[in-house]
Every structure is written in structure tokens, then in C-alpha cells.
């Protein structure tokens, strides 16, 4: 199996599960700004399967 296809399947499954749990998918800077401008507390989930969000960029994604 091609690694990129495997990773895309993995990411899509994680995204589906996160959305089903009630998280809102934000994909643009404008969507993020709007979400953070809402009144109250905002909980952020970062879906990082390769480690980039944790500061460990792998050659497969960067």
C-alpha cells in the first residue's frame, strides 16, 4: 500500500471521529479568528498524525 494513501485514510478517519465528537473543523485563518472571537471558552483539538503540531516534523509531511 502506498504510504500517502495510508496516511490520508488515517487522517480522514481521525477527522471523522473528531467531528462526530462535536468538534468543528476549522481550515482557514478566518474560521479560526471567528471561532476565537466567540464569547466563552474555546477548546482546541489539533489533529497531528505526523507530529508537525508537536514540533517533530517528519520528512513525510514537511
PDB file of N, CA and C in Angstrom:
ATOM      1  N   UNK A   1       0.849  -1.179   0.000  1.00  0.00           N
ATOM      2  CA  UNK A   1       0.000   0.000   0.000  1.00  0.00           C
ATOM      3  C   UNK A   1       0.897   1.245   0.000  1.00  0.00           C
ATOM      4  N   UNK A   2       0.511   2.225  -0.752  1.00  0.00           N
ATOM      5  CA  UNK A   2       1.223   3.490  -0.818  1.00  0.00           C
ATOM      6  C   UNK A   2       1.102   4.229   0.517  1.00  0.00           C
ATOM      7  N   UNK A   3       2.231   4.715   1.023  1.00  0.00           N
ATOM      8  CA  UNK A   3       2.254   5.389   2.324  1.00  0.00           C
ATOM      9  C   UNK A   3       1.334   6.601   2.353  1.00  0.00           C
ATOM     10  N   UNK A   4       1.324   7.415   1.307  1.00  0.00           N
ATOM     11  CA  UNK A   4       0.485   8.620   1.283  1.00  0.00           C
ATOM     12  C   UNK A   4      -1.001   8.277   1.313  1.00  0.00           C
ATOM     13  N   UNK A   5      -1.383   7.228   0.614  1.00  0.00           N
ATOM     14  CA  UNK A   5      -2.785   6.797   0.640  1.00  0.00           C
ATOM     15  C   UNK A   5      -3.150   6.321   2.043  1.00  0.00           C
ATOM     16  N   UNK A   6      -2.244   5.546   2.659  1.00  0.00           N
ATOM     17  CA  UNK A   6      -2.464   5.067   4.027  1.00  0.00           C
ATOM     18  C   UNK A   6      -2.646   6.248   4.985  1.00  0.00           C
ATOM     19  N   UNK A   7      -1.747   7.241   4.907  1.00  0.00           N
ATOM     20  CA  UNK A   7      -1.824   8.387   5.804  1.00  0.00           C
ATOM     21  C   UNK A   7      -3.095   9.193   5.565  1.00  0.00           C
ATOM     22  N   UNK A   8      -3.500   9.362   4.321  1.00  0.00           N
ATOM     23  CA  UNK A   8      -4.736  10.097   4.032  1.00  0.00           C
ATOM     24  C   UNK A   8      -5.940   9.379   4.630  1.00  0.00           C
ATOM     25  N   UNK A   9      -5.973   8.054   4.520  1.00  0.00           N
ATOM     26  CA  UNK A   9      -7.052   7.284   5.148  1.00  0.00           C
ATOM     27  C   UNK A   9      -7.037   7.471   6.664  1.00  0.00           C
ATOM     28  N   UNK A  10      -5.844   7.431   7.243  1.00  0.00           N
ATOM     29  CA  UNK A  10      -5.678   7.595   8.684  1.00  0.00           C
ATOM     30  C   UNK A  10      -6.184   8.967   9.141  1.00  0.00           C
ATOM     31  N   UNK A  11      -5.785  10.020   8.422  1.00  0.00           N
ATOM     32  CA  UNK A  11      -6.198  11.385   8.759  1.00  0.00           C
ATOM     33  C   UNK A  11      -7.709  11.548   8.591  1.00  0.00           C
ATOM     34  N   UNK A  12      -8.253  11.033   7.521  1.00  0.00           N
ATOM     35  CA  UNK A  12      -9.697  11.154   7.282  1.00  0.00           C
ATOM     36  C   UNK A  12     -10.495  10.459   8.380  1.00  0.00           C
ATOM     37  N   UNK A  13     -10.049   9.286   8.811  1.00  0.00           N
ATOM     38  CA  UNK A  13     -10.740   8.570   9.886  1.00  0.00           C
ATOM     39  C   UNK A  13     -10.686   9.369  11.188  1.00  0.00           C
ATOM     40  N   UNK A  14      -9.511   9.905  11.505  1.00  0.00           N
ATOM     41  CA  UNK A  14      -9.382  10.713  12.722  1.00  0.00           C
ATOM     42  C   UNK A  14     -10.265  11.951  12.641  1.00  0.00           C
ATOM     43  N   UNK A  15     -10.286  12.618  11.494  1.00  0.00           N
ATOM     44  CA  UNK A  15     -11.115  13.816  11.309  1.00  0.00           C
ATOM     45  C   UNK A  15     -12.592  13.476  11.500  1.00  0.00           C
ATOM     46  N   UNK A  16     -13.032  12.370  10.937  1.00  0.00           N
ATOM     47  CA  UNK A  16     -14.430  11.944  11.078  1.00  0.00           C
ATOM     48  C   UNK A  16     -14.782  11.714  12.543  1.00  0.00           C
ATOM     49  N   UNK A  17     -13.921  11.004  13.259  1.00  0.00           N
ATOM     50  CA  UNK A  17     -14.180  10.721  14.675  1.00  0.00           C
ATOM     51  C   UNK A  17     -14.203  12.004  15.506  1.00  0.00           C
ATOM     52  N   UNK A  18     -13.293  12.923  15.224  1.00  0.00           N
ATOM     53  CA  UNK A  18     -13.248  14.191  15.959  1.00  0.00           C
ATOM     54  C   UNK A  18     -14.505  15.003  15.686  1.00  0.00           C
ATOM     55  N   UNK A  19     -14.942  15.061  14.431  1.00  0.00           N
ATOM     56  CA  UNK A  19     -16.164  15.799  14.093  1.00  0.00           C
ATOM     57  C   UNK A  19     -17.391  15.158  14.727  1.00  0.00           C
ATOM     58  N   UNK A  20     -17.436  13.832  14.751  1.00  0.00           N
ATOM     59  CA  UNK A  20     -18.565  13.137  15.381  1.00  0.00           C
ATOM     60  C   UNK A  20     -18.620  13.392  16.882  1.00  0.00           C
ATOM     61  N   UNK A  21     -17.472  13.694  17.482  1.00  0.00           N
ATOM     62  CA  UNK A  21     -17.416  14.006  18.911  1.00  0.00           C
ATOM     63  C   UNK A  21     -17.884  15.434  19.200  1.00  0.00           C
ATOM     64  N   UNK A  22     -18.144  16.214  18.143  1.00  0.00           N
ATOM     65  CA  UNK A  22     -18.691  17.551  18.318  1.00  0.00           C
ATOM     66  C   UNK A  22     -17.737  18.689  18.040  1.00  0.00           C
ATOM     67  N   UNK A  23     -16.522  18.367  17.617  1.00  0.00           N
ATOM     68  CA  UNK A  23     -15.579  19.433  17.277  1.00  0.00           C
ATOM     69  C   UNK A  23     -15.914  20.002  15.903  1.00  0.00           C
ATOM     70  N   UNK A  24     -15.601  21.271  15.730  1.00  0.00           N
ATOM     71  CA  UNK A  24     -15.831  21.966  14.467  1.00  0.00           C
ATOM     72  C   UNK A  24     -14.514  22.012  13.693  1.00  0.00           C
ATOM     73  N   UNK A  25     -14.544  21.628  12.430  1.00  0.00           N
ATOM     74  CA  UNK A  25     -13.364  21.620  11.589  1.00  0.00           C
ATOM     75  C   UNK A  25     -13.089  23.029  11.078  1.00  0.00           C
ATOM     76  N   UNK A  26     -11.930  23.594  11.443  1.00  0.00           N
ATOM     77  CA  UNK A  26     -11.547  24.943  11.010  1.00  0.00           C
ATOM     78  C   UNK A  26     -10.365  24.817  10.068  1.00  0.00           C
ATOM     79  N   UNK A  27     -10.519  25.297   8.842  1.00  0.00           N
ATOM     80  CA  UNK A  27      -9.470  25.083   7.837  1.00  0.00           C
ATOM     81  C   UNK A  27      -8.868  26.366   7.273  1.00  0.00           C
ATOM     82  N   UNK A  28      -9.385  27.501   7.690  1.00  0.00           N
ATOM     83  CA  UNK A  28      -8.839  28.772   7.194  1.00  0.00           C
ATOM     84  C   UNK A  28      -8.532  29.683   8.380  1.00  0.00           C
ATOM     85  N   UNK A  29      -7.630  30.636   8.191  1.00  0.00           N
ATOM     86  CA  UNK A  29      -7.363  31.601   9.266  1.00  0.00           C
ATOM     87  C   UNK A  29      -8.612  32.377   9.681  1.00  0.00           C
ATOM     88  N   UNK A  30      -9.462  32.662   8.732  1.00  0.00           N
ATOM     89  CA  UNK A  30     -10.694  33.402   9.026  1.00  0.00           C
ATOM     90  C   UNK A  30     -11.626  32.581   9.931  1.00  0.00           C
ATOM     91  N   UNK A  31     -11.735  31.292   9.670  1.00  0.00           N
ATOM     92  CA  UNK A  31     -12.568  30.433  10.519  1.00  0.00           C
ATOM     93  C   UNK A  31     -12.018  30.366  11.940  1.00  0.00           C
ATOM     94  N   UNK A  32     -10.702  30.314  12.065  1.00  0.00           N
ATOM     95  CA  UNK A  32     -10.075  30.291  13.385  1.00  0.00           C
ATOM     96  C   UNK A  32     -10.328  31.607  14.116  1.00  0.00           C
ATOM     97  N   UNK A  33     -10.144  32.736  13.437  1.00  0.00           N
ATOM     98  CA  UNK A  33     -10.398  34.047  14.043  1.00  0.00           C
ATOM     99  C   UNK A  33     -11.842  34.150  14.523  1.00  0.00           C
ATOM    100  N   UNK A  34     -12.778  33.688  13.710  1.00  0.00           N
ATOM    101  CA  UNK A  34     -14.197  33.746  14.073  1.00  0.00           C
ATOM    102  C   UNK A  34     -14.473  32.870  15.296  1.00  0.00           C
ATOM    103  N   UNK A  35     -13.887  31.682  15.330  1.00  0.00           N
ATOM    104  CA  UNK A  35     -14.110  30.770  16.458  1.00  0.00           C
ATOM    105  C   UNK A  35     -13.560  31.360  17.757  1.00  0.00           C
ATOM    106  N   UNK A  36     -12.388  31.980  17.691  1.00  0.00           N
ATOM    107  CA  UNK A  36     -11.792  32.559  18.891  1.00  0.00           C
ATOM    108  C   UNK A  36     -12.442  33.869  19.309  1.00  0.00           C
ATOM    109  N   UNK A  37     -13.228  34.466  18.445  1.00  0.00           N
ATOM    110  CA  UNK A  37     -13.912  35.704  18.811  1.00  0.00           C
ATOM    111  C   UNK A  37     -15.240  35.438  19.522  1.00  0.00           C
ATOM    112  N   UNK A  38     -15.671  34.179  19.560  1.00  0.00           N
ATOM    113  CA  UNK A  38     -16.921  33.834  20.241  1.00  0.00           C
ATOM    114  C   UNK A  38     -16.762  34.009  21.750  1.00  0.00           C
ATOM    115  N   UNK A  39     -17.847  34.334  22.387  1.00  0.00           N
ATOM    116  CA  UNK A  39     -17.855  34.506  23.827  1.00  0.00           C
ATOM    117  C   UNK A  39     -17.708  33.148  24.515  1.00  0.00           C
ATOM    118  N   UNK A  40     -16.972  33.111  25.601  1.00  0.00           N
ATOM    119  CA  UNK A  40     -16.824  31.881  26.374  1.00  0.00           C
ATOM    120  C   UNK A  40     -15.477  31.212  26.145  1.00  0.00           C
ATOM    121  N   UNK A  41     -15.416  29.968  26.543  1.00  0.00           N
ATOM    122  CA  UNK A  41     -14.187  29.189  26.471  1.00  0.00           C
ATOM    123  C   UNK A  41     -14.136  28.397  25.174  1.00  0.00           C
ATOM    124  N   UNK A  42     -12.965  28.303  24.585  1.00  0.00           N
ATOM    125  CA  UNK A  42     -12.777  27.536  23.352  1.00  0.00           C
ATOM    126  C   UNK A  42     -11.782  26.412  23.614  1.00  0.00           C
ATOM    127  N   UNK A  43     -12.183  25.187  23.336  1.00  0.00           N
ATOM    128  CA  UNK A  43     -11.305  24.021  23.446  1.00  0.00           C
ATOM    129  C   UNK A  43     -10.800  23.693  22.048  1.00  0.00           C
ATOM    130  N   UNK A  44      -9.493  23.574  21.901  1.00  0.00           N
ATOM    131  CA  UNK A  44      -8.891  23.328  20.596  1.00  0.00           C
ATOM    132  C   UNK A  44      -8.306  21.924  20.551  1.00  0.00           C
ATOM    133  N   UNK A  45      -8.625  21.177  19.502  1.00  0.00           N
ATOM    134  CA  UNK A  45      -8.059  19.851  19.246  1.00  0.00           C
ATOM    135  C   UNK A  45      -7.210  19.976  17.994  1.00  0.00           C
ATOM    136  N   UNK A  46      -5.926  19.660  18.090  1.00  0.00           N
ATOM    137  CA  UNK A  46      -5.050  19.680  16.931  1.00  0.00           C
ATOM    138  C   UNK A  46      -4.855  18.244  16.470  1.00  0.00           C
ATOM    139  N   UNK A  47      -5.283  17.967  15.241  1.00  0.00           N
ATOM    140  CA  UNK A  47      -5.160  16.631  14.675  1.00  0.00           C
ATOM    141  C   UNK A  47      -3.825  16.541  13.949  1.00  0.00           C
ATOM    142  N   UNK A  48      -2.814  16.046  14.652  1.00  0.00           N
ATOM    143  CA  UNK A  48      -1.478  15.945  14.077  1.00  0.00           C
ATOM    144  C   UNK A  48      -1.026  14.493  14.129  1.00  0.00           C
ATOM    145  N   UNK A  49      -1.177  13.789  13.023  1.00  0.00           N
ATOM    146  CA  UNK A  49      -0.788  12.384  12.993  1.00  0.00           C
ATOM    147  C   UNK A  49       0.694  12.194  12.700  1.00  0.00           C
ATOM    148  N   UNK A  50       1.340  13.213  12.155  1.00  0.00           N
ATOM    149  CA  UNK A  50       2.754  13.067  11.790  1.00  0.00           C
ATOM    150  C   UNK A  50       3.686  13.707  12.805  1.00  0.00           C
ATOM    151  N   UNK A  51       3.166  14.526  13.685  1.00  0.00           N
ATOM    152  CA  UNK A  51       3.985  15.153  14.704  1.00  0.00           C
ATOM    153  C   UNK A  51       4.319  16.606  14.448  1.00  0.00           C
ATOM    154  N   UNK A  52       3.937  17.151  13.306  1.00  0.00           N
ATOM    155  CA  UNK A  52       4.269  18.548  12.981  1.00  0.00           C
ATOM    156  C   UNK A  52       3.769  19.515  14.049  1.00  0.00           C
ATOM    157  N   UNK A  53       2.559  19.326  14.527  1.00  0.00           N
ATOM    158  CA  UNK A  53       1.993  20.246  15.509  1.00  0.00           C
ATOM    159  C   UNK A  53       2.725  20.152  16.840  1.00  0.00           C
ATOM    160  N   UNK A  54       3.374  19.049  17.077  1.00  0.00           N
ATOM    161  CA  UNK A  54       4.129  18.865  18.309  1.00  0.00           C
ATOM    162  C   UNK A  54       5.586  19.254  18.173  1.00  0.00           C
ATOM    163  N   UNK A  55       5.964  19.825  17.031  1.00  0.00           N
ATOM    164  CA  UNK A  55       7.329  20.258  16.838  1.00  0.00           C
ATOM    165  C   UNK A  55       8.269  19.190  16.337  1.00  0.00           C
ATOM    166  N   UNK A  56       7.721  18.070  15.927  1.00  0.00           N
ATOM    167  CA  UNK A  56       8.562  16.988  15.420  1.00  0.00           C
ATOM    168  C   UNK A  56       8.194  16.691  13.977  1.00  0.00           C
ATOM    169  N   UNK A  57       8.608  17.528  13.104  1.00  0.00           N
ATOM    170  CA  UNK A  57       8.285  17.405  11.679  1.00  0.00           C
ATOM    171  C   UNK A  57       9.032  16.229  11.064  1.00  0.00           C
ATOM    172  N   UNK A  58       8.289  15.361  10.396  1.00  0.00           N
ATOM    173  CA  UNK A  58       8.914  14.231   9.724  1.00  0.00           C
ATOM    174  C   UNK A  58       9.051  14.544   8.223  1.00  0.00           C
ATOM    175  N   UNK A  59       9.937  13.858   7.575  1.00  0.00           N
ATOM    176  CA  UNK A  59      10.169  14.111   6.145  1.00  0.00           C
ATOM    177  C   UNK A  59       8.974  13.747   5.287  1.00  0.00           C
ATOM    178  N   UNK A  60       8.045  12.975   5.823  1.00  0.00           N
ATOM    179  CA  UNK A  60       6.879  12.560   5.026  1.00  0.00           C
ATOM    180  C   UNK A  60       5.841  13.670   4.886  1.00  0.00           C
ATOM    181  N   UNK A  61       5.938  14.714   5.699  1.00  0.00           N
ATOM    182  CA  UNK A  61       4.896  15.740   5.618  1.00  0.00           C
ATOM    183  C   UNK A  61       5.442  17.141   5.380  1.00  0.00           C
ATOM    184  N   UNK A  62       6.698  17.371   5.601  1.00  0.00           N
ATOM    185  CA  UNK A  62       7.235  18.742   5.500  1.00  0.00           C
ATOM    186  C   UNK A  62       8.216  18.873   4.363  1.00  0.00           C
TER     187      UNK A  62
END
